PDB file of N, CA and C in Angstrom:
ATOM      1  N   MET A   1     -18.491-137.199 101.684  1.00  0.00           N
ATOM      2  CA  MET A   1     -17.375-136.355 101.290  1.00  0.00           C
ATOM      3  C   MET A   1     -17.882-135.362 100.259  1.00  0.00           C
ATOM      4  N   ILE A   2     -17.434-134.125 100.434  1.00  0.00           N
ATOM      5  CA  ILE A   2     -17.752-133.065  99.479  1.00  0.00           C
ATOM      6  C   ILE A   2     -16.445-132.439  99.027  1.00  0.00           C
ATOM      7  N   VAL A   3     -16.361-132.155  97.741  1.00  0.00           N
ATOM      8  CA  VAL A   3     -15.213-131.437  97.187  1.00  0.00           C
ATOM      9  C   VAL A   3     -15.732-130.132  96.610  1.00  0.00           C
ATOM     10  N   GLU A   4     -15.257-129.014  97.145  1.00  0.00           N
ATOM     11  CA  GLU A   4     -15.608-127.685  96.644  1.00  0.00           C
ATOM     12  C   GLU A   4     -14.424-127.156  95.855  1.00  0.00           C
ATOM     13  N   VAL A   5     -14.666-126.766  94.624  1.00  0.00           N
ATOM     14  CA  VAL A   5     -13.632-126.148  93.798  1.00  0.00           C
ATOM     15  C   VAL A   5     -13.977-124.669  93.718  1.00  0.00           C
ATOM     16  N   SER A   6     -13.142-123.841  94.346  1.00  0.00           N
ATOM     17  CA  SER A   6     -13.451-122.425  94.487  1.00  0.00           C
ATOM     18  C   SER A   6     -12.506-121.556  93.680  1.00  0.00           C
ATOM     19  N   ASP A   7     -13.085-120.784  92.810  1.00  0.00           N
ATOM     20  CA  ASP A   7     -12.319-119.803  92.046  1.00  0.00           C
ATOM     21  C   ASP A   7     -12.680-118.418  92.563  1.00  0.00           C
ATOM     22  N   THR A   8     -13.925-118.025  92.381  1.00  0.00           N
ATOM     23  CA  THR A   8     -14.365-116.702  92.835  1.00  0.00           C
ATOM     24  C   THR A   8     -15.243-116.783  94.075  1.00  0.00           C
ATOM     25  N   THR A   9     -15.546-117.988  94.556  1.00  0.00           N
ATOM     26  CA  THR A   9     -16.471-118.145  95.682  1.00  0.00           C
ATOM     27  C   THR A   9     -15.790-118.654  96.950  1.00  0.00           C
ATOM     28  N   LEU A  10     -14.489-118.512  97.056  1.00  0.00           N
ATOM     29  CA  LEU A  10     -13.751-119.092  98.181  1.00  0.00           C
ATOM     30  C   LEU A  10     -14.268-118.606  99.530  1.00  0.00           C
ATOM     31  N   ASP A  11     -14.456-117.314  99.698  1.00  0.00           N
ATOM     32  CA  ASP A  11     -14.924-116.794 100.988  1.00  0.00           C
ATOM     33  C   ASP A  11     -16.273-117.400 101.372  1.00  0.00           C
ATOM     34  N   TYR A  12     -17.194-117.458 100.441  1.00  0.00           N
ATOM     35  CA  TYR A  12     -18.518-118.028 100.704  1.00  0.00           C
ATOM     36  C   TYR A  12     -18.415-119.521 101.016  1.00  0.00           C
ATOM     37  N   ASP A  13     -17.627-120.228 100.229  1.00  0.00           N
ATOM     38  CA  ASP A  13     -17.468-121.669 100.451  1.00  0.00           C
ATOM     39  C   ASP A  13     -16.864-121.954 101.820  1.00  0.00           C
ATOM     40  N   ARG A  14     -15.853-121.179 102.199  1.00  0.00           N
ATOM     41  CA  ARG A  14     -15.160-121.399 103.470  1.00  0.00           C
ATOM     42  C   ARG A  14     -15.981-120.886 104.653  1.00  0.00           C
ATOM     43  N   ASP A  15     -16.576-119.699 104.527  1.00  0.00           N
ATOM     44  CA  ASP A  15     -17.226-119.064 105.672  1.00  0.00           C
ATOM     45  C   ASP A  15     -18.681-119.486 105.875  1.00  0.00           C
ATOM     46  N   VAL A  16     -19.376-119.834 104.804  1.00  0.00           N
ATOM     47  CA  VAL A  16     -20.791-120.189 104.917  1.00  0.00           C
ATOM     48  C   VAL A  16     -21.015-121.692 104.731  1.00  0.00           C
ATOM     49  N   LYS A  17     -20.597-122.210 103.603  1.00  0.00           N
ATOM     50  CA  LYS A  17     -20.892-123.602 103.281  1.00  0.00           C
ATOM     51  C   LYS A  17     -20.184-124.594 104.199  1.00  0.00           C
ATOM     52  N   LEU A  18     -18.948-124.301 104.567  1.00  0.00           N
ATOM     53  CA  LEU A  18     -18.187-125.227 105.406  1.00  0.00           C
ATOM     54  C   LEU A  18     -18.882-125.470 106.744  1.00  0.00           C
ATOM     55  N   SER A  19     -19.367-124.413 107.387  1.00  0.00           N
ATOM     56  CA  SER A  19     -20.062-124.593 108.667  1.00  0.00           C
ATOM     57  C   SER A  19     -21.388-125.325 108.467  1.00  0.00           C
ATOM     58  N   LEU A  20     -22.039-125.091 107.337  1.00  0.00           N
ATOM     59  CA  LEU A  20     -23.273-125.812 107.026  1.00  0.00           C
ATOM     60  C   LEU A  20     -23.003-127.308 106.884  1.00  0.00           C
ATOM     61  N   TYR A  21     -21.945-127.649 106.178  1.00  0.00           N
ATOM     62  CA  TYR A  21     -21.574-129.060 106.028  1.00  0.00           C
ATOM     63  C   TYR A  21     -21.254-129.685 107.389  1.00  0.00           C
ATOM     64  N   ALA A  22     -20.525-128.956 108.227  1.00  0.00           N
ATOM     65  CA  ALA A  22     -20.176-129.471 109.558  1.00  0.00           C
ATOM     66  C   ALA A  22     -21.424-129.675 110.411  1.00  0.00           C
ATOM     67  N   ARG A  23     -22.351-128.727 110.365  1.00  0.00           N
ATOM     68  CA  ARG A  23     -23.593-128.857 111.140  1.00  0.00           C
ATOM     69  C   ARG A  23     -24.394-130.089 110.724  1.00  0.00           C
ATOM     70  N   HIS A  24     -24.287-130.465 109.453  1.00  0.00           N
ATOM     71  CA  HIS A  24     -25.030-131.624 108.956  1.00  0.00           C
ATOM     72  C   HIS A  24     -24.214-132.915 109.003  1.00  0.00           C
ATOM     73  N   GLY A  25     -23.041-132.846 109.630  1.00  0.00           N
ATOM     74  CA  GLY A  25     -22.259-134.051 109.886  1.00  0.00           C
ATOM     75  C   GLY A  25     -21.517-134.629 108.696  1.00  0.00           C
ATOM     76  N   ILE A  26     -21.251-133.823 107.676  1.00  0.00           N
ATOM     77  CA  ILE A  26     -20.454-134.304 106.544  1.00  0.00           C
ATOM     78  C   ILE A  26     -19.051-134.574 107.085  1.00  0.00           C
ATOM     79  N   PRO A  27     -18.570-135.816 107.039  1.00  0.00           N
ATOM     80  CA  PRO A  27     -17.322-136.167 107.713  1.00  0.00           C
ATOM     81  C   PRO A  27     -16.058-135.573 107.104  1.00  0.00           C
ATOM     82  N   GLU A  28     -16.130-135.194 105.827  1.00  0.00           N
ATOM     83  CA  GLU A  28     -14.908-134.719 105.176  1.00  0.00           C
ATOM     84  C   GLU A  28     -15.264-133.760 104.046  1.00  0.00           C
ATOM     85  N   VAL A  29     -14.529-132.638 103.995  1.00  0.00           N
ATOM     86  CA  VAL A  29     -14.682-131.665 102.911  1.00  0.00           C
ATOM     87  C   VAL A  29     -13.303-131.305 102.398  1.00  0.00           C
ATOM     88  N   TRP A  30     -13.156-131.347 101.078  1.00  0.00           N
ATOM     89  CA  TRP A  30     -11.936-130.867 100.438  1.00  0.00           C
ATOM     90  C   TRP A  30     -12.278-129.540  99.791  1.00  0.00           C
ATOM     91  N   LEU A  31     -11.540-128.506 100.149  1.00  0.00           N
ATOM     92  CA  LEU A  31     -11.754-127.170  99.599  1.00  0.00           C
ATOM     93  C   LEU A  31     -10.556-126.807  98.731  1.00  0.00           C
ATOM     94  N   CYS A  32     -10.789-126.751  97.427  1.00  0.00           N
ATOM     95  CA  CYS A  32      -9.724-126.448  96.461  1.00  0.00           C
ATOM     96  C   CYS A  32      -9.739-124.958  96.165  1.00  0.00           C
ATOM     97  N   ASP A  33      -8.678-124.277  96.509  1.00  0.00           N
ATOM     98  CA  ASP A  33      -8.520-122.855  96.217  1.00  0.00           C
ATOM     99  C   ASP A  33      -7.767-122.741  94.896  1.00  0.00           C
ATOM    100  N   VAL A  34      -8.503-122.510  93.829  1.00  0.00           N
ATOM    101  CA  VAL A  34      -7.917-122.468  92.490  1.00  0.00           C
ATOM    102  C   VAL A  34      -6.916-121.325  92.362  1.00  0.00           C
ATOM    103  N   GLN A  35      -7.260-120.164  92.895  1.00  0.00           N
ATOM    104  CA  GLN A  35      -6.401-118.982  92.780  1.00  0.00           C
ATOM    105  C   GLN A  35      -5.042-119.196  93.450  1.00  0.00           C
ATOM    106  N   ALA A  36      -5.050-119.777  94.651  1.00  0.00           N
ATOM    107  CA  ALA A  36      -3.808-119.972  95.407  1.00  0.00           C
ATOM    108  C   ALA A  36      -3.129-121.302  95.085  1.00  0.00           C
ATOM    109  N   GLY A  37      -3.828-122.198  94.404  1.00  0.00           N
ATOM    110  CA  GLY A  37      -3.268-123.516  94.119  1.00  0.00           C
ATOM    111  C   GLY A  37      -3.092-124.341  95.376  1.00  0.00           C
ATOM    112  N   GLU A  38      -4.098-124.284  96.276  1.00  0.00           N
ATOM    113  CA  GLU A  38      -4.021-124.998  97.554  1.00  0.00           C
ATOM    114  C   GLU A  38      -5.243-125.886  97.755  1.00  0.00           C
ATOM    115  N   LEU A  39      -5.026-126.954  98.494  1.00  0.00           N
ATOM    116  CA  LEU A  39      -6.108-127.838  98.903  1.00  0.00           C
ATOM    117  C   LEU A  39      -6.144-127.850 100.426  1.00  0.00           C
ATOM    118  N   ALA A  40      -7.326-127.658 100.988  1.00  0.00           N
ATOM    119  CA  ALA A  40      -7.514-127.771 102.432  1.00  0.00           C
ATOM    120  C   ALA A  40      -8.476-128.924 102.680  1.00  0.00           C
ATOM    121  N   VAL A  41      -8.087-129.837 103.555  1.00  0.00           N
ATOM    122  CA  VAL A  41      -8.904-131.005 103.887  1.00  0.00           C
ATOM    123  C   VAL A  41      -9.442-130.809 105.303  1.00  0.00           C
ATOM    124  N   PHE A  42     -10.767-130.805 105.431  1.00  0.00           N
ATOM    125  CA  PHE A  42     -11.427-130.604 106.718  1.00  0.00           C
ATOM    126  C   PHE A  42     -12.073-131.910 107.147  1.00  0.00           C
ATOM    127  N   ARG A  43     -11.865-132.273 108.431  1.00  0.00           N
ATOM    128  CA  ARG A  43     -12.414-133.519 108.978  1.00  0.00           C
ATOM    129  C   ARG A  43     -12.866-133.312 110.419  1.00  0.00           C
ATOM    130  N   GLU A  44     -13.637-134.256 110.913  1.00  0.00           N
ATOM    131  CA  GLU A  44     -14.144-134.299 112.289  1.00  0.00           C
ATOM    132  C   GLU A  44     -15.072-133.126 112.602  1.00  0.00           C
ATOM    133  N   PRO A  45     -16.276-133.131 112.017  1.00  0.00           N
ATOM    134  CA  PRO A  45     -17.228-132.061 112.318  1.00  0.00           C
ATOM    135  C   PRO A  45     -17.795-132.188 113.732  1.00  0.00           C
ATOM    136  N   ILE A  46     -17.732-131.086 114.470  1.00  0.00           N
ATOM    137  CA  ILE A  46     -18.280-131.035 115.825  1.00  0.00           C
ATOM    138  C   ILE A  46     -18.849-129.639 116.048  1.00  0.00           C
ATOM    139  N   ASP A  47     -20.109-129.571 116.470  1.00  0.00           N
ATOM    140  CA  ASP A  47     -20.755-128.301 116.803  1.00  0.00           C
ATOM    141  C   ASP A  47     -20.637-127.262 115.689  1.00  0.00           C
ATOM    142  N   GLY A  48     -20.845-127.665 114.458  1.00  0.00           N
ATOM    143  CA  GLY A  48     -20.853-126.728 113.344  1.00  0.00           C
ATOM    144  C   GLY A  48     -19.494-126.281 112.856  1.00  0.00           C
ATOM    145  N   GLN A  49     -18.442-126.957 113.319  1.00  0.00           N
ATOM    146  CA  GLN A  49     -17.084-126.624 112.880  1.00  0.00           C
ATOM    147  C   GLN A  49     -16.306-127.918 112.666  1.00  0.00           C
ATOM    148  N   TYR A  50     -15.261-127.807 111.863  1.00  0.00           N
ATOM    149  CA  TYR A  50     -14.374-128.958 111.678  1.00  0.00           C
ATOM    150  C   TYR A  50     -13.205-128.840 112.641  1.00  0.00           C
ATOM    151  N   ARG A  51     -12.965-129.910 113.378  1.00  0.00           N
ATOM    152  CA  ARG A  51     -11.880-129.920 114.364  1.00  0.00           C
ATOM    153  C   ARG A  51     -10.511-130.024 113.723  1.00  0.00           C
ATOM    154  N   ARG A  52     -10.435-130.696 112.582  1.00  0.00           N
ATOM    155  CA  ARG A  52      -9.130-130.906 111.950  1.00  0.00           C
ATOM    156  C   ARG A  52      -9.119-130.301 110.555  1.00  0.00           C
ATOM    157  N   MET A  53      -8.042-129.582 110.266  1.00  0.00           N
ATOM    158  CA  MET A  53      -7.825-129.035 108.935  1.00  0.00           C
ATOM    159  C   MET A  53      -6.380-129.289 108.564  1.00  0.00           C
ATOM    160  N   HIS A  54      -6.186-129.758 107.345  1.00  0.00           N
ATOM    161  CA  HIS A  54      -4.846-130.108 106.874  1.00  0.00           C
ATOM    162  C   HIS A  54      -4.680-129.534 105.475  1.00  0.00           C
ATOM    163  N   LYS A  55      -3.538-128.892 105.215  1.00  0.00           N
ATOM    164  CA  LYS A  55      -3.231-128.363 103.885  1.00  0.00           C
ATOM    165  C   LYS A  55      -2.010-129.093 103.335  1.00  0.00           C
ATOM    166  N   PRO A  56      -2.242-130.190 102.620  1.00  0.00           N
ATOM    167  CA  PRO A  56      -1.106-130.923 102.054  1.00  0.00           C
ATOM    168  C   PRO A  56      -0.475-130.140 100.904  1.00  0.00           C
ATOM    169  N   THR A  57       0.816-130.294 100.740  1.00  0.00           N
ATOM    170  CA  THR A  57       1.509-129.625  99.637  1.00  0.00           C
ATOM    171  C   THR A  57       1.219-130.354  98.329  1.00  0.00           C
ATOM    172  N   THR A  58       1.513-129.693  97.222  1.00  0.00           N
ATOM    173  CA  THR A  58       1.201-130.274  95.913  1.00  0.00           C
ATOM    174  C   THR A  58       2.019-131.526  95.614  1.00  0.00           C
ATOM    175  N   SER A  59       3.087-131.762  96.352  1.00  0.00           N
ATOM    176  CA  SER A  59       3.892-132.970  96.124  1.00  0.00           C
ATOM    177  C   SER A  59       3.364-134.182  96.903  1.00  0.00           C
ATOM    178  N   LYS A  60       2.335-133.993  97.701  1.00  0.00           N
ATOM    179  CA  LYS A  60       1.790-135.064  98.551  1.00  0.00           C
ATOM    180  C   LYS A  60       0.567-135.728  97.918  1.00  0.00           C
ATOM    181  N   THR A  61       0.124-136.797  98.571  1.00  0.00           N
ATOM    182  CA  THR A  61      -1.132-137.449  98.212  1.00  0.00           C
ATOM    183  C   THR A  61      -2.060-137.404  99.417  1.00  0.00           C
ATOM    184  N   VAL A  62      -3.359-137.541  99.146  1.00  0.00           N
ATOM    185  CA  VAL A  62      -4.363-137.535 100.206  1.00  0.00           C
ATOM    186  C   VAL A  62      -5.285-138.725  99.974  1.00  0.00           C
ATOM    187  N   ALA A  63      -5.741-139.320 101.065  1.00  0.00           N
ATOM    188  CA  ALA A  63      -6.684-140.442 100.971  1.00  0.00           C
ATOM    189  C   ALA A  63      -8.025-140.014 101.560  1.00  0.00           C
ATOM    190  N   PRO A  64      -9.102-140.163 100.804  1.00  0.00           N
ATOM    191  CA  PRO A  64     -10.424-139.874 101.362  1.00  0.00           C
ATOM    192  C   PRO A  64     -10.732-140.840 102.508  1.00  0.00           C
ATOM    193  N   LEU A  65     -11.462-140.375 103.499  1.00  0.00           N
ATOM    194  CA  LEU A  65     -11.810-141.229 104.637  1.00  0.00           C
ATOM    195  C   LEU A  65     -12.596-142.465 104.217  1.00  0.00           C
ATOM    196  N   TRP A  66     -13.473-142.340 103.258  1.00  0.00           N
ATOM    197  CA  TRP A  66     -14.358-143.448 102.884  1.00  0.00           C
ATOM    198  C   TRP A  66     -13.685-144.506 102.021  1.00  0.00           C
ATOM    199  N   VAL A  67     -12.520-144.203 101.420  1.00  0.00           N
ATOM    200  CA  VAL A  67     -11.720-145.208 100.699  1.00  0.00           C
ATOM    201  C   VAL A  67     -10.242-144.929 100.958  1.00  0.00           C
ATOM    202  N   PRO A  68      -9.767-145.227 102.154  1.00  0.00           N
ATOM    203  CA  PRO A  68      -8.399-144.865 102.528  1.00  0.00           C
ATOM    204  C   PRO A  68      -7.303-145.546 101.715  1.00  0.00           C
ATOM    205  N   VAL A  69      -7.643-146.600 100.988  1.00  0.00           N
ATOM    206  CA  VAL A  69      -6.621-147.255 100.161  1.00  0.00           C
ATOM    207  C   VAL A  69      -6.366-146.494  98.859  1.00  0.00           C
ATOM    208  N   VAL A  70      -7.238-145.567  98.533  1.00  0.00           N
ATOM    209  CA  VAL A  70      -7.068-144.756  97.321  1.00  0.00           C
ATOM    210  C   VAL A  70      -6.284-143.501  97.681  1.00  0.00           C
ATOM    211  N   ARG A  71      -5.175-143.297  97.013  1.00  0.00           N
ATOM    212  CA  ARG A  71      -4.353-142.105  97.246  1.00  0.00           C
ATOM    213  C   ARG A  71      -4.533-141.175  96.050  1.00  0.00           C
ATOM    214  N   VAL A  72      -4.845-139.921  96.321  1.00  0.00           N
ATOM    215  CA  VAL A  72      -5.069-138.934  95.274  1.00  0.00           C
ATOM    216  C   VAL A  72      -3.954-137.903  95.341  1.00  0.00           C
ATOM    217  N   ALA A  73      -3.294-137.664  94.223  1.00  0.00           N
ATOM    218  CA  ALA A  73      -2.225-136.663  94.175  1.00  0.00           C
ATOM    219  C   ALA A  73      -2.841-135.271  94.262  1.00  0.00           C
ATOM    220  N   VAL A  74      -2.355-134.480  95.204  1.00  0.00           N
ATOM    221  CA  VAL A  74      -2.861-133.123  95.382  1.00  0.00           C
ATOM    222  C   VAL A  74      -2.696-132.321  94.096  1.00  0.00           C
ATOM    223  N   ALA A  75      -1.586-132.493  93.414  1.00  0.00           N
ATOM    224  CA  ALA A  75      -1.350-131.780  92.152  1.00  0.00           C
ATOM    225  C   ALA A  75      -2.434-132.107  91.127  1.00  0.00           C
ATOM    226  N   ASP A  76      -2.922-133.352  91.121  1.00  0.00           N
ATOM    227  CA  ASP A  76      -3.984-133.735  90.190  1.00  0.00           C
ATOM    228  C   ASP A  76      -5.311-133.079  90.554  1.00  0.00           C
ATOM    229  N   VAL A  77      -5.580-132.943  91.836  1.00  0.00           N
ATOM    230  CA  VAL A  77      -6.814-132.298  92.281  1.00  0.00           C
ATOM    231  C   VAL A  77      -6.824-130.838  91.845  1.00  0.00           C
ATOM    232  N   LEU A  78      -5.681-130.197  91.915  1.00  0.00           N
ATOM    233  CA  LEU A  78      -5.591-128.770  91.606  1.00  0.00           C
ATOM    234  C   LEU A  78      -5.363-128.477  90.128  1.00  0.00           C
ATOM    235  N   ALA A  79      -5.137-129.513  89.333  1.00  0.00           N
ATOM    236  CA  ALA A  79      -4.840-129.301  87.902  1.00  0.00           C
ATOM    237  C   ALA A  79      -6.065-128.860  87.129  1.00  0.00           C
TER     238      ALA A  79
END
């Protein structure tokens, strides 16, 4: 799992690094957009792309794939 916190590098993180992570089989990437106050969760890397992307709202929680019993508040990730 990789967590990218992007303030001024969002385009690079999303357009360059995300495909690199997918090509290397990283199963899950959380991309935090500081400017927009959004979290995007990418899963299921196939052929250099992530098949699944989910943007939970700040009132929700998210569980990492590697420890699904742990729930993380999206608002806390973006704080």
